[in-house]
N, C-alpha and C. Protein backbone atom coordinates (compact mmCIF):
# COMPACT_ATOMS: atom_id res chain seq x y z
N MET A 1 116.41 69.35 169.90
CA MET A 1 116.91 68.41 170.71
C MET A 1 116.16 67.17 169.49
N GLY A 2 114.67 66.89 170.00
CA GLY A 2 113.72 66.48 169.44
C GLY A 2 113.88 65.86 168.31
N PHE A 3 114.32 66.73 167.12
CA PHE A 3 114.17 66.32 165.75
C PHE A 3 115.43 65.84 165.62
N ARG A 4 116.43 65.67 166.27
CA ARG A 4 118.11 65.74 165.70
C ARG A 4 117.25 64.20 165.77
N ASN A 5 116.85 63.43 167.67
CA ASN A 5 116.11 62.80 167.70
C ASN A 5 115.43 61.61 166.52
N PHE A 6 115.01 62.04 165.77
CA PHE A 6 113.92 61.82 164.84
C PHE A 6 114.46 61.48 163.93
N GLY A 7 115.88 62.45 163.77
CA GLY A 7 116.34 61.59 163.29
C GLY A 7 116.69 60.43 163.32
N THR A 8 117.72 60.51 163.31
CA THR A 8 118.47 59.02 164.21
C THR A 8 117.62 57.62 163.70
N LEU A 9 116.59 57.62 164.82
CA LEU A 9 115.22 57.67 164.29
C LEU A 9 115.03 56.62 163.00
N LEU A 10 115.14 57.44 162.06
CA LEU A 10 114.70 58.02 160.66
C LEU A 10 115.64 56.92 159.96
N LEU A 11 117.07 57.29 160.61
CA LEU A 11 117.89 56.44 160.11
C LEU A 11 117.60 55.23 159.70
N VAL A 12 117.69 54.43 160.51
CA VAL A 12 117.65 53.20 161.74
C VAL A 12 117.27 52.56 161.14
N PHE A 13 116.23 52.86 160.51
CA PHE A 13 114.20 52.47 160.06
C PHE A 13 114.82 52.10 158.40
N MET A 14 115.40 53.16 157.99
CA MET A 14 116.01 52.92 156.64
C MET A 14 117.21 52.39 157.02
N ILE A 15 117.76 52.21 157.42
CA ILE A 15 118.75 50.56 157.24
C ILE A 15 118.52 49.25 157.91
N LEU A 16 117.53 49.07 158.31
CA LEU A 16 116.35 48.19 158.67
C LEU A 16 116.31 47.83 157.31
N MET A 17 115.19 48.92 156.62
CA MET A 17 114.47 48.36 155.59
C MET A 17 115.68 48.17 154.29
N MET A 18 116.82 48.69 154.52
CA MET A 18 118.12 47.56 153.35
C MET A 18 118.14 46.32 153.72
N VAL A 19 118.04 45.77 155.58
CA VAL A 19 118.93 44.88 155.65
C VAL A 19 118.10 43.71 155.65
N PHE A 20 116.59 43.92 155.81
CA PHE A 20 115.52 42.51 156.12
C PHE A 20 114.60 43.25 154.64
N GLY A 21 114.06 44.15 154.56
CA GLY A 21 113.44 44.19 153.30
C GLY A 21 111.99 44.48 154.34
N THR A 22 111.22 45.67 153.24
CA THR A 22 109.80 45.83 153.94
C THR A 22 109.17 43.95 154.66
N GLN A 23 108.72 42.98 154.45
CA GLN A 23 108.00 41.83 153.81
C GLN A 23 108.06 41.55 155.37
N ARG A 24 109.93 41.07 155.48
CA ARG A 24 110.31 40.97 156.47
C ARG A 24 110.28 41.52 158.02
N LEU A 25 110.40 42.80 157.58
CA LEU A 25 111.03 43.62 158.40
C LEU A 25 108.62 43.70 158.68
N ARG A 26 108.16 43.21 158.71
CA ARG A 26 106.16 43.35 158.54
C ARG A 26 106.15 41.95 159.74
N ASP A 27 106.68 40.75 158.85
CA ASP A 27 106.95 39.89 160.18
C ASP A 27 107.28 39.88 161.37
N ILE A 28 108.11 40.89 161.55
CA ILE A 28 108.77 41.13 163.20
C ILE A 28 108.04 41.34 163.68
N GLY A 29 107.22 42.38 162.55
CA GLY A 29 106.21 43.36 163.42
C GLY A 29 105.13 42.09 164.61
N ASN A 30 104.77 41.91 163.55
CA ASN A 30 103.66 41.00 163.39
C ASN A 30 104.14 39.91 164.47
N ASP A 31 104.63 39.21 164.74
CA ASP A 31 105.20 38.74 165.48
C ASP A 31 106.06 38.72 166.72
N LEU A 32 106.07 40.62 167.10
CA LEU A 32 106.42 41.39 168.15
C LEU A 32 105.06 41.61 168.66
N ALA A 33 103.99 41.66 168.10
CA ALA A 33 102.58 42.55 168.42
C ALA A 33 102.39 41.37 169.11
N ILE A 34 102.32 39.84 168.88
CA ILE A 34 101.48 38.58 168.99
C ILE A 34 101.86 38.49 171.09
N ALA A 35 103.59 38.63 170.35
CA ALA A 35 104.24 38.73 171.47
C ALA A 35 103.86 39.26 173.25
N ILE A 36 103.81 40.43 172.34
CA ILE A 36 103.26 41.75 174.04
C ILE A 36 102.28 41.35 174.28
N ARG A 37 101.30 40.56 173.42
CA ARG A 37 99.72 40.96 173.46
C ARG A 37 99.30 39.24 174.39
N ASN A 38 100.13 37.91 174.18
CA ASN A 38 100.57 37.46 174.97
C ASN A 38 100.84 37.28 176.06
N PHE A 39 101.91 38.03 176.22
CA PHE A 39 102.13 38.73 177.53
C PHE A 39 102.10 39.43 178.55
N ARG A 40 101.44 40.39 178.07
CA ARG A 40 99.76 41.22 178.84
C ARG A 40 99.41 40.27 179.71
N LYS A 41 98.58 38.95 178.36
CA LYS A 41 97.56 37.95 178.97
C LYS A 41 97.89 37.22 179.67
N GLY A 42 98.92 37.14 180.31
CA GLY A 42 100.19 35.44 180.37
C GLY A 42 100.08 37.04 182.45
N LEU A 43 100.31 38.21 182.76
CA LEU A 43 100.20 38.57 183.71
C LEU A 43 98.72 39.27 184.20
N GLN A 44 97.94 38.86 183.15
CA GLN A 44 96.58 39.55 183.08
C GLN A 44 95.95 38.16 183.96
N GLU A 45 96.68 36.68 183.26
CA GLU A 45 95.42 35.89 184.55
C GLU A 45 96.70 35.34 185.38
N ASP A 46 97.63 35.28 185.26
CA ASP A 46 98.97 36.08 187.24
C ASP A 46 98.07 36.51 187.87
N GLN A 47 97.85 37.67 187.67
CA GLN A 47 97.30 38.43 188.69
C GLN A 47 95.41 38.23 189.40
N GLY A 48 95.05 37.67 187.96
CA GLY A 48 93.87 36.87 188.64
C GLY A 48 94.09 35.53 189.41
N ASN A 49 94.88 34.12 189.96
CA ASN A 49 95.60 33.50 190.13
C ASN A 49 96.30 33.54 191.49
N THR A 50 96.73 34.94 191.70
CA THR A 50 97.42 36.05 192.86
C THR A 50 95.55 36.10 193.76
N GLU A 51 94.90 36.69 193.05
CA GLU A 51 93.60 37.53 194.02
C GLU A 51 92.68 35.58 194.09
N GLU A 52 92.89 35.03 193.09
CA GLU A 52 92.21 33.69 194.37
C GLU A 52 92.79 32.78 195.24
N SER A 53 93.77 33.32 195.35
CA SER A 53 94.96 32.19 196.54
C SER A 53 94.53 33.61 197.64
N LYS A 54 94.82 34.74 197.56
CA LYS A 54 94.82 35.35 198.57
C LYS A 54 93.44 35.16 199.22
N GLU A 55 92.28 35.06 198.06
CA GLU A 55 90.93 35.13 199.17
C GLU A 55 90.68 33.23 199.33
N ASN A 56 91.33 33.02 198.94
CA ASN A 56 91.15 31.24 199.30
C ASN A 56 91.68 31.51 200.56
N LYS A 57 92.50 31.41 200.89
CA LYS A 57 93.60 31.69 202.46
C LYS A 57 92.92 32.70 203.87
N SER A 58 91.93 33.50 202.83
CA SER A 58 91.01 34.19 204.50
C SER A 58 89.75 33.14 204.97
């Protein structure tokens, strides 16, 4: 069952490589990684602001 899922994933990846090319896929991967990093950083900053506001209310 797991091998079938891997085969499907590999097929999708190969189709994406043919459509976009390897350079464009690398750019998409880098942009996605930067977006995830910024999202996590924003969540951490938001949690810090929430904790500060709780301390100020006490």
